[in-house]
């Protein structure tokens, strides 16, 4: 079985929609999103107590940046399409 036969779908000669690089980028994006949401989460504080810790840099700056980068990475992972290999005939 050749490499071209491995990449063919049952419907025709088209390669799979996502490749290894797409899945790696998707994993990195999900990891960035998880880290961003963990940074955004707060501690358990009763409703009648004010906690100034909700205004720290990690929650206000770092977490939104990580979430934005995670979403951007997911978009790139979905849209990423490597250039086709040129054969000697072309």
PDB file of N, CA and C in Angstrom:
ATOM      1  N   UNK A   1       0.847  -1.169   0.000  1.00  0.00           N
ATOM      2  CA  UNK A   1       0.000   0.000   0.000  1.00  0.00           C
ATOM      3  C   UNK A   1       0.895   1.235   0.000  1.00  0.00           C
ATOM      4  N   UNK A   2       0.739   2.095  -0.966  1.00  0.00           N
ATOM      5  CA  UNK A   2       1.583   3.286  -1.068  1.00  0.00           C
ATOM      6  C   UNK A   2       1.026   4.420  -0.215  1.00  0.00           C
ATOM      7  N   UNK A   3       1.806   5.474  -0.089  1.00  0.00           N
ATOM      8  CA  UNK A   3       1.403   6.615   0.712  1.00  0.00           C
ATOM      9  C   UNK A   3       0.156   7.282   0.148  1.00  0.00           C
ATOM     10  N   UNK A   4       0.062   7.346  -1.179  1.00  0.00           N
ATOM     11  CA  UNK A   4      -1.107   7.982  -1.788  1.00  0.00           C
ATOM     12  C   UNK A   4      -2.367   7.171  -1.541  1.00  0.00           C
ATOM     13  N   UNK A   5      -2.236   5.853  -1.430  1.00  0.00           N
ATOM     14  CA  UNK A   5      -3.408   5.030  -1.139  1.00  0.00           C
ATOM     15  C   UNK A   5      -3.856   5.216   0.296  1.00  0.00           C
ATOM     16  N   UNK A   6      -2.933   5.502   1.209  1.00  0.00           N
ATOM     17  CA  UNK A   6      -3.293   5.726   2.601  1.00  0.00           C
ATOM     18  C   UNK A   6      -4.066   7.024   2.783  1.00  0.00           C
ATOM     19  N   UNK A   7      -3.784   8.038   1.969  1.00  0.00           N
ATOM     20  CA  UNK A   7      -4.414   9.342   2.130  1.00  0.00           C
ATOM     21  C   UNK A   7      -5.698   9.485   1.329  1.00  0.00           C
ATOM     22  N   UNK A   8      -6.074   8.492   0.584  1.00  0.00           N
ATOM     23  CA  UNK A   8      -7.285   8.581  -0.221  1.00  0.00           C
ATOM     24  C   UNK A   8      -8.509   8.252   0.609  1.00  0.00           C
ATOM     25  N   UNK A   9      -9.584   8.973   0.360  1.00  0.00           N
ATOM     26  CA  UNK A   9     -10.868   8.664   0.964  1.00  0.00           C
ATOM     27  C   UNK A   9     -11.571   7.617   0.130  1.00  0.00           C
ATOM     28  N   UNK A  10     -12.604   7.016   0.680  1.00  0.00           N
ATOM     29  CA  UNK A  10     -13.377   6.025  -0.064  1.00  0.00           C
ATOM     30  C   UNK A  10     -14.159   6.674  -1.199  1.00  0.00           C
ATOM     31  N   UNK A  11     -14.431   7.973  -1.097  1.00  0.00           N
ATOM     32  CA  UNK A  11     -15.229   8.658  -2.105  1.00  0.00           C
ATOM     33  C   UNK A  11     -14.421   9.059  -3.330  1.00  0.00           C
ATOM     34  N   UNK A  12     -13.115   9.075  -3.244  1.00  0.00           N
ATOM     35  CA  UNK A  12     -12.331   9.518  -4.392  1.00  0.00           C
ATOM     36  C   UNK A  12     -10.870   9.655  -4.049  1.00  0.00           C
ATOM     37  N   UNK A  13     -10.193  10.458  -4.823  1.00  0.00           N
ATOM     38  CA  UNK A  13      -8.760  10.621  -4.665  1.00  0.00           C
ATOM     39  C   UNK A  13      -8.389  11.831  -3.822  1.00  0.00           C
ATOM     40  N   UNK A  14      -9.292  12.322  -3.005  1.00  0.00           N
ATOM     41  CA  UNK A  14      -8.998  13.493  -2.198  1.00  0.00           C
ATOM     42  C   UNK A  14      -8.317  13.093  -0.895  1.00  0.00           C
ATOM     43  N   UNK A  15      -7.338  13.877  -0.443  1.00  0.00           N
ATOM     44  CA  UNK A  15      -6.686  13.589   0.844  1.00  0.00           C
ATOM     45  C   UNK A  15      -7.624  13.944   2.000  1.00  0.00           C
ATOM     46  N   UNK A  16      -7.323  13.504   3.199  1.00  0.00           N
ATOM     47  CA  UNK A  16      -8.183  13.833   4.341  1.00  0.00           C
ATOM     48  C   UNK A  16      -8.238  15.341   4.584  1.00  0.00           C
ATOM     49  N   UNK A  17      -9.313  15.784   5.189  1.00  0.00           N
ATOM     50  CA  UNK A  17      -9.519  17.215   5.411  1.00  0.00           C
ATOM     51  C   UNK A  17      -8.489  17.786   6.385  1.00  0.00           C
ATOM     52  N   UNK A  18      -8.276  17.114   7.505  1.00  0.00           N
ATOM     53  CA  UNK A  18      -7.302  17.567   8.492  1.00  0.00           C
ATOM     54  C   UNK A  18      -6.105  16.640   8.493  1.00  0.00           C
ATOM     55  N   UNK A  19      -4.944  17.232   8.662  1.00  0.00           N
ATOM     56  CA  UNK A  19      -3.709  16.464   8.711  1.00  0.00           C
ATOM     57  C   UNK A  19      -3.121  16.540  10.116  1.00  0.00           C
ATOM     58  N   UNK A  20      -1.959  15.949  10.293  1.00  0.00           N
ATOM     59  CA  UNK A  20      -1.340  15.883  11.606  1.00  0.00           C
ATOM     60  C   UNK A  20      -1.109  17.275  12.188  1.00  0.00           C
ATOM     61  N   UNK A  21      -0.655  18.207  11.369  1.00  0.00           N
ATOM     62  CA  UNK A  21      -0.388  19.572  11.845  1.00  0.00           C
ATOM     63  C   UNK A  21      -1.667  20.237  12.335  1.00  0.00           C
ATOM     64  N   UNK A  22      -2.797  19.983  11.655  1.00  0.00           N
ATOM     65  CA  UNK A  22      -4.069  20.543  12.091  1.00  0.00           C
ATOM     66  C   UNK A  22      -4.420  20.064  13.500  1.00  0.00           C
ATOM     67  N   UNK A  23      -4.249  18.770  13.736  1.00  0.00           N
ATOM     68  CA  UNK A  23      -4.588  18.213  15.043  1.00  0.00           C
ATOM     69  C   UNK A  23      -3.637  18.710  16.129  1.00  0.00           C
ATOM     70  N   UNK A  24      -2.379  18.906  15.797  1.00  0.00           N
ATOM     71  CA  UNK A  24      -1.433  19.454  16.771  1.00  0.00           C
ATOM     72  C   UNK A  24      -1.833  20.880  17.147  1.00  0.00           C
ATOM     73  N   UNK A  25      -2.164  21.691  16.137  1.00  0.00           N
ATOM     74  CA  UNK A  25      -2.601  23.071  16.413  1.00  0.00           C
ATOM     75  C   UNK A  25      -3.904  23.095  17.211  1.00  0.00           C
ATOM     76  N   UNK A  26      -4.815  22.176  16.923  1.00  0.00           N
ATOM     77  CA  UNK A  26      -6.064  22.111  17.691  1.00  0.00           C
ATOM     78  C   UNK A  26      -5.788  21.764  19.152  1.00  0.00           C
ATOM     79  N   UNK A  27      -4.868  20.850  19.374  1.00  0.00           N
ATOM     80  CA  UNK A  27      -4.506  20.490  20.747  1.00  0.00           C
ATOM     81  C   UNK A  27      -3.887  21.655  21.496  1.00  0.00           C
ATOM     82  N   UNK A  28      -3.015  22.402  20.824  1.00  0.00           N
ATOM     83  CA  UNK A  28      -2.395  23.578  21.446  1.00  0.00           C
ATOM     84  C   UNK A  28      -3.464  24.624  21.762  1.00  0.00           C
ATOM     85  N   UNK A  29      -4.411  24.810  20.850  1.00  0.00           N
ATOM     86  CA  UNK A  29      -5.483  25.779  21.081  1.00  0.00           C
ATOM     87  C   UNK A  29      -6.356  25.393  22.261  1.00  0.00           C
ATOM     88  N   UNK A  30      -6.697  24.131  22.360  1.00  0.00           N
ATOM     89  CA  UNK A  30      -7.513  23.667  23.490  1.00  0.00           C
ATOM     90  C   UNK A  30      -6.747  23.829  24.793  1.00  0.00           C
ATOM     91  N   UNK A  31      -5.449  23.537  24.771  1.00  0.00           N
ATOM     92  CA  UNK A  31      -4.623  23.698  25.968  1.00  0.00           C
ATOM     93  C   UNK A  31      -4.570  25.165  26.399  1.00  0.00           C
ATOM     94  N   UNK A  32      -4.409  26.075  25.443  1.00  0.00           N
ATOM     95  CA  UNK A  32      -4.407  27.503  25.774  1.00  0.00           C
ATOM     96  C   UNK A  32      -5.755  27.943  26.348  1.00  0.00           C
ATOM     97  N   UNK A  33      -6.838  27.443  25.781  1.00  0.00           N
ATOM     98  CA  UNK A  33      -8.159  27.782  26.303  1.00  0.00           C
ATOM     99  C   UNK A  33      -8.336  27.270  27.736  1.00  0.00           C
ATOM    100  N   UNK A  34      -7.927  26.045  27.987  1.00  0.00           N
ATOM    101  CA  UNK A  34      -8.057  25.493  29.339  1.00  0.00           C
ATOM    102  C   UNK A  34      -7.237  26.282  30.352  1.00  0.00           C
ATOM    103  N   UNK A  35      -6.007  26.603  29.992  1.00  0.00           N
ATOM    104  CA  UNK A  35      -5.166  27.382  30.906  1.00  0.00           C
ATOM    105  C   UNK A  35      -5.778  28.761  31.143  1.00  0.00           C
ATOM    106  N   UNK A  36      -6.317  29.376  30.089  1.00  0.00           N
ATOM    107  CA  UNK A  36      -6.952  30.687  30.234  1.00  0.00           C
ATOM    108  C   UNK A  36      -8.162  30.645  31.143  1.00  0.00           C
ATOM    109  N   UNK A  37      -8.997  29.630  30.998  1.00  0.00           N
ATOM    110  CA  UNK A  37     -10.182  29.522  31.855  1.00  0.00           C
ATOM    111  C   UNK A  37      -9.798  29.192  33.295  1.00  0.00           C
ATOM    112  N   UNK A  38      -8.750  28.409  33.482  1.00  0.00           N
ATOM    113  CA  UNK A  38      -8.293  28.126  34.846  1.00  0.00           C
ATOM    114  C   UNK A  38      -7.761  29.404  35.498  1.00  0.00           C
ATOM    115  N   UNK A  39      -7.018  30.211  34.737  1.00  0.00           N
ATOM    116  CA  UNK A  39      -6.536  31.492  35.265  1.00  0.00           C
ATOM    117  C   UNK A  39      -7.690  32.442  35.570  1.00  0.00           C
ATOM    118  N   UNK A  40      -8.751  32.354  34.825  1.00  0.00           N
ATOM    119  CA  UNK A  40      -9.895  33.238  35.003  1.00  0.00           C
ATOM    120  C   UNK A  40     -10.738  32.852  36.211  1.00  0.00           C
ATOM    121  N   UNK A  41     -10.713  31.592  36.578  1.00  0.00           N
ATOM    122  CA  UNK A  41     -11.564  31.135  37.685  1.00  0.00           C
ATOM    123  C   UNK A  41     -11.113  31.754  38.995  1.00  0.00           C
ATOM    124  N   UNK A  42     -12.049  31.908  39.885  1.00  0.00           N
ATOM    125  CA  UNK A  42     -11.755  32.533  41.163  1.00  0.00           C
ATOM    126  C   UNK A  42     -11.878  31.556  42.305  1.00  0.00           C
ATOM    127  N   UNK A  43     -11.550  32.045  43.473  1.00  0.00           N
ATOM    128  CA  UNK A  43     -11.685  31.239  44.672  1.00  0.00           C
ATOM    129  C   UNK A  43     -13.112  31.279  45.179  1.00  0.00           C
ATOM    130  N   UNK A  44     -13.354  30.480  46.178  1.00  0.00           N
ATOM    131  CA  UNK A  44     -14.695  30.435  46.748  1.00  0.00           C
ATOM    132  C   UNK A  44     -14.793  31.483  47.853  1.00  0.00           C
ATOM    133  N   UNK A  45     -15.617  32.476  47.618  1.00  0.00           N
ATOM    134  CA  UNK A  45     -15.808  33.556  48.584  1.00  0.00           C
ATOM    135  C   UNK A  45     -17.308  33.713  48.792  1.00  0.00           C
ATOM    136  N   UNK A  46     -17.747  33.874  50.033  1.00  0.00           N
ATOM    137  CA  UNK A  46     -19.186  34.101  50.270  1.00  0.00           C
ATOM    138  C   UNK A  46     -19.674  35.366  49.574  1.00  0.00           C
ATOM    139  N   UNK A  47     -20.951  35.417  49.280  1.00  0.00           N
ATOM    140  CA  UNK A  47     -21.525  36.549  48.547  1.00  0.00           C
ATOM    141  C   UNK A  47     -21.457  37.866  49.315  1.00  0.00           C
ATOM    142  N   UNK A  48     -21.466  37.819  50.624  1.00  0.00           N
ATOM    143  CA  UNK A  48     -21.504  39.056  51.405  1.00  0.00           C
ATOM    144  C   UNK A  48     -20.111  39.596  51.750  1.00  0.00           C
ATOM    145  N   UNK A  49     -19.066  38.984  51.213  1.00  0.00           N
ATOM    146  CA  UNK A  49     -17.699  39.417  51.499  1.00  0.00           C
ATOM    147  C   UNK A  49     -17.058  39.910  50.202  1.00  0.00           C
ATOM    148  N   UNK A  50     -16.463  41.115  50.261  1.00  0.00           N
ATOM    149  CA  UNK A  50     -15.764  41.639  49.092  1.00  0.00           C
ATOM    150  C   UNK A  50     -14.346  41.088  49.061  1.00  0.00           C
ATOM    151  N   UNK A  51     -13.945  40.605  47.905  1.00  0.00           N
ATOM    152  CA  UNK A  51     -12.592  40.088  47.743  1.00  0.00           C
ATOM    153  C   UNK A  51     -11.931  40.860  46.614  1.00  0.00           C
ATOM    154  N   UNK A  52     -10.936  41.673  46.950  1.00  0.00           N
ATOM    155  CA  UNK A  52     -10.227  42.483  45.952  1.00  0.00           C
ATOM    156  C   UNK A  52      -9.373  41.643  45.026  1.00  0.00           C
ATOM    157  N   UNK A  53      -9.243  40.361  45.307  1.00  0.00           N
ATOM    158  CA  UNK A  53      -8.425  39.457  44.491  1.00  0.00           C
ATOM    159  C   UNK A  53      -9.017  39.261  43.088  1.00  0.00           C
ATOM    160  N   UNK A  54     -10.286  39.606  42.904  1.00  0.00           N
ATOM    161  CA  UNK A  54     -10.879  39.433  41.574  1.00  0.00           C
ATOM    162  C   UNK A  54     -10.330  40.437  40.571  1.00  0.00           C
ATOM    163  N   UNK A  55      -9.657  41.471  41.047  1.00  0.00           N
ATOM    164  CA  UNK A  55      -9.116  42.499  40.162  1.00  0.00           C
ATOM    165  C   UNK A  55      -7.613  42.361  39.935  1.00  0.00           C
ATOM    166  N   UNK A  56      -7.043  41.185  40.177  1.00  0.00           N
ATOM    167  CA  UNK A  56      -5.599  41.047  39.985  1.00  0.00           C
ATOM    168  C   UNK A  56      -5.261  40.888  38.505  1.00  0.00           C
ATOM    169  N   UNK A  57      -3.986  41.012  38.185  1.00  0.00           N
ATOM    170  CA  UNK A  57      -3.526  41.005  36.794  1.00  0.00           C
ATOM    171  C   UNK A  57      -3.796  39.687  36.092  1.00  0.00           C
ATOM    172  N   UNK A  58      -3.707  38.602  36.827  1.00  0.00           N
ATOM    173  CA  UNK A  58      -3.914  37.285  36.208  1.00  0.00           C
ATOM    174  C   UNK A  58      -5.329  37.170  35.638  1.00  0.00           C
ATOM    175  N   UNK A  59      -6.313  37.645  36.376  1.00  0.00           N
ATOM    176  CA  UNK A  59      -7.708  37.526  35.922  1.00  0.00           C
ATOM    177  C   UNK A  59      -8.106  38.600  34.920  1.00  0.00           C
ATOM    178  N   UNK A  60      -7.538  39.763  35.021  1.00  0.00           N
ATOM    179  CA  UNK A  60      -7.942  40.885  34.169  1.00  0.00           C
ATOM    180  C   UNK A  60      -7.163  40.918  32.853  1.00  0.00           C
ATOM    181  N   UNK A  61      -5.889  40.505  32.868  1.00  0.00           N
ATOM    182  CA  UNK A  61      -5.039  40.650  31.683  1.00  0.00           C
ATOM    183  C   UNK A  61      -4.633  39.300  31.095  1.00  0.00           C
ATOM    184  N   UNK A  62      -4.031  38.452  31.906  1.00  0.00           N
ATOM    185  CA  UNK A  62      -3.426  37.212  31.405  1.00  0.00           C
ATOM    186  C   UNK A  62      -4.478  36.236  30.883  1.00  0.00           C
ATOM    187  N   UNK A  63      -5.522  36.006  31.655  1.00  0.00           N
ATOM    188  CA  UNK A  63      -6.542  35.027  31.252  1.00  0.00           C
ATOM    189  C   UNK A  63      -7.236  35.402  29.935  1.00  0.00           C
ATOM    190  N   UNK A  64      -7.686  36.644  29.747  1.00  0.00           N
ATOM    191  CA  UNK A  64      -8.292  36.978  28.451  1.00  0.00           C
ATOM    192  C   UNK A  64      -7.331  36.853  27.273  1.00  0.00           C
ATOM    193  N   UNK A  65      -6.058  37.181  27.488  1.00  0.00           N
ATOM    194  CA  UNK A  65      -5.077  37.044  26.407  1.00  0.00           C
ATOM    195  C   UNK A  65      -4.910  35.574  26.042  1.00  0.00           C
ATOM    196  N   UNK A  66      -4.821  34.702  27.045  1.00  0.00           N
ATOM    197  CA  UNK A  66      -4.687  33.265  26.774  1.00  0.00           C
ATOM    198  C   UNK A  66      -5.916  32.712  26.055  1.00  0.00           C
ATOM    199  N   UNK A  67      -7.095  33.150  26.464  1.00  0.00           N
ATOM    200  CA  UNK A  67      -8.321  32.686  25.807  1.00  0.00           C
ATOM    201  C   UNK A  67      -8.372  33.177  24.367  1.00  0.00           C
ATOM    202  N   UNK A  68      -8.002  34.429  24.144  1.00  0.00           N
ATOM    203  CA  UNK A  68      -7.974  34.964  22.776  1.00  0.00           C
ATOM    204  C   UNK A  68      -6.984  34.198  21.905  1.00  0.00           C
ATOM    205  N   UNK A  69      -5.782  33.942  22.441  1.00  0.00           N
ATOM    206  CA  UNK A  69      -4.781  33.182  21.679  1.00  0.00           C
ATOM    207  C   UNK A  69      -5.257  31.755  21.405  1.00  0.00           C
ATOM    208  N   UNK A  70      -5.968  31.166  22.355  1.00  0.00           N
ATOM    209  CA  UNK A  70      -6.514  29.827  22.139  1.00  0.00           C
ATOM    210  C   UNK A  70      -7.546  29.803  21.024  1.00  0.00           C
ATOM    211  N   UNK A  71      -8.433  30.791  21.018  1.00  0.00           N
ATOM    212  CA  UNK A  71      -9.437  30.872  19.951  1.00  0.00           C
ATOM    213  C   UNK A  71      -8.778  31.143  18.603  1.00  0.00           C
ATOM    214  N   UNK A  72      -7.797  32.017  18.585  1.00  0.00           N
ATOM    215  CA  UNK A  72      -7.077  32.316  17.351  1.00  0.00           C
ATOM    216  C   UNK A  72      -6.344  31.072  16.833  1.00  0.00           C
ATOM    217  N   UNK A  73      -5.750  30.311  17.731  1.00  0.00           N
ATOM    218  CA  UNK A  73      -5.063  29.078  17.340  1.00  0.00           C
ATOM    219  C   UNK A  73      -6.047  28.060  16.772  1.00  0.00           C
ATOM    220  N   UNK A  74      -7.236  27.977  17.348  1.00  0.00           N
ATOM    221  CA  UNK A  74      -8.249  27.056  16.828  1.00  0.00           C
ATOM    222  C   UNK A  74      -8.682  27.460  15.414  1.00  0.00           C
ATOM    223  N   UNK A  75      -8.824  28.751  15.169  1.00  0.00           N
ATOM    224  CA  UNK A  75      -9.195  29.214  13.830  1.00  0.00           C
ATOM    225  C   UNK A  75      -8.105  28.869  12.829  1.00  0.00           C
ATOM    226  N   UNK A  76      -6.848  29.109  13.214  1.00  0.00           N
ATOM    227  CA  UNK A  76      -5.725  28.779  12.332  1.00  0.00           C
ATOM    228  C   UNK A  76      -5.670  27.274  12.093  1.00  0.00           C
ATOM    229  N   UNK A  77      -5.926  26.481  13.131  1.00  0.00           N
ATOM    230  CA  UNK A  77      -5.879  25.026  12.996  1.00  0.00           C
ATOM    231  C   UNK A  77      -6.931  24.528  12.017  1.00  0.00           C
ATOM    232  N   UNK A  78      -8.085  25.142  12.017  1.00  0.00           N
ATOM    233  CA  UNK A  78      -9.153  24.721  11.095  1.00  0.00           C
ATOM    234  C   UNK A  78      -8.852  25.176   9.675  1.00  0.00           C
ATOM    235  N   UNK A  79      -8.306  26.375   9.535  1.00  0.00           N
ATOM    236  CA  UNK A  79      -8.070  26.934   8.207  1.00  0.00           C
ATOM    237  C   UNK A  79      -6.755  26.483   7.582  1.00  0.00           C
ATOM    238  N   UNK A  80      -5.842  25.917   8.356  1.00  0.00           N
ATOM    239  CA  UNK A  80      -4.506  25.531   7.870  1.00  0.00           C
ATOM    240  C   UNK A  80      -4.626  24.490   6.770  1.00  0.00           C
ATOM    241  N   UNK A  81      -4.003  24.776   5.650  1.00  0.00           N
ATOM    242  CA  UNK A  81      -3.978  23.826   4.541  1.00  0.00           C
ATOM    243  C   UNK A  81      -2.597  23.902   3.902  1.00  0.00           C
ATOM    244  N   UNK A  82      -1.795  22.849   4.051  1.00  0.00           N
ATOM    245  CA  UNK A  82      -0.442  22.909   3.485  1.00  0.00           C
ATOM    246  C   UNK A  82      -0.481  22.930   1.967  1.00  0.00           C
ATOM    247  N   UNK A  83       0.573  23.466   1.390  1.00  0.00           N
ATOM    248  CA  UNK A  83       0.669  23.506  -0.067  1.00  0.00           C
ATOM    249  C   UNK A  83       0.809  22.091  -0.604  1.00  0.00           C
ATOM    250  N   UNK A  84       0.252  21.868  -1.778  1.00  0.00           N
ATOM    251  CA  UNK A  84       0.338  20.541  -2.402  1.00  0.00           C
ATOM    252  C   UNK A  84       1.760  20.291  -2.888  1.00  0.00           C
ATOM    253  N   UNK A  85       2.198  19.048  -2.782  1.00  0.00           N
ATOM    254  CA  UNK A  85       3.527  18.692  -3.267  1.00  0.00           C
ATOM    255  C   UNK A  85       3.547  18.713  -4.785  1.00  0.00           C
ATOM    256  N   UNK A  86       4.577  19.305  -5.351  1.00  0.00           N
ATOM    257  CA  UNK A  86       4.686  19.346  -6.805  1.00  0.00           C
ATOM    258  C   UNK A  86       5.349  18.065  -7.283  1.00  0.00           C
ATOM    259  N   UNK A  87       4.778  17.472  -8.281  1.00  0.00           N
ATOM    260  CA  UNK A  87       5.366  16.266  -8.855  1.00  0.00           C
ATOM    261  C   UNK A  87       6.283  16.646 -10.012  1.00  0.00           C
ATOM    262  N   UNK A  88       7.025  15.693 -10.495  1.00  0.00           N
ATOM    263  CA  UNK A  88       7.968  15.967 -11.583  1.00  0.00           C
ATOM    264  C   UNK A  88       7.265  16.219 -12.898  1.00  0.00           C
ATOM    265  N   UNK A  89       6.031  15.770 -13.053  1.00  0.00           N
ATOM    266  CA  UNK A  89       5.291  15.944 -14.300  1.00  0.00           C
ATOM    267  C   UNK A  89       4.784  17.361 -14.471  1.00  0.00           C
ATOM    268  N   UNK A  90       4.619  18.094 -13.396  1.00  0.00           N
ATOM    269  CA  UNK A  90       4.046  19.433 -13.493  1.00  0.00           C
ATOM    270  C   UNK A  90       5.094  20.486 -13.670  1.00  0.00           C
TER     271      UNK A  90
END
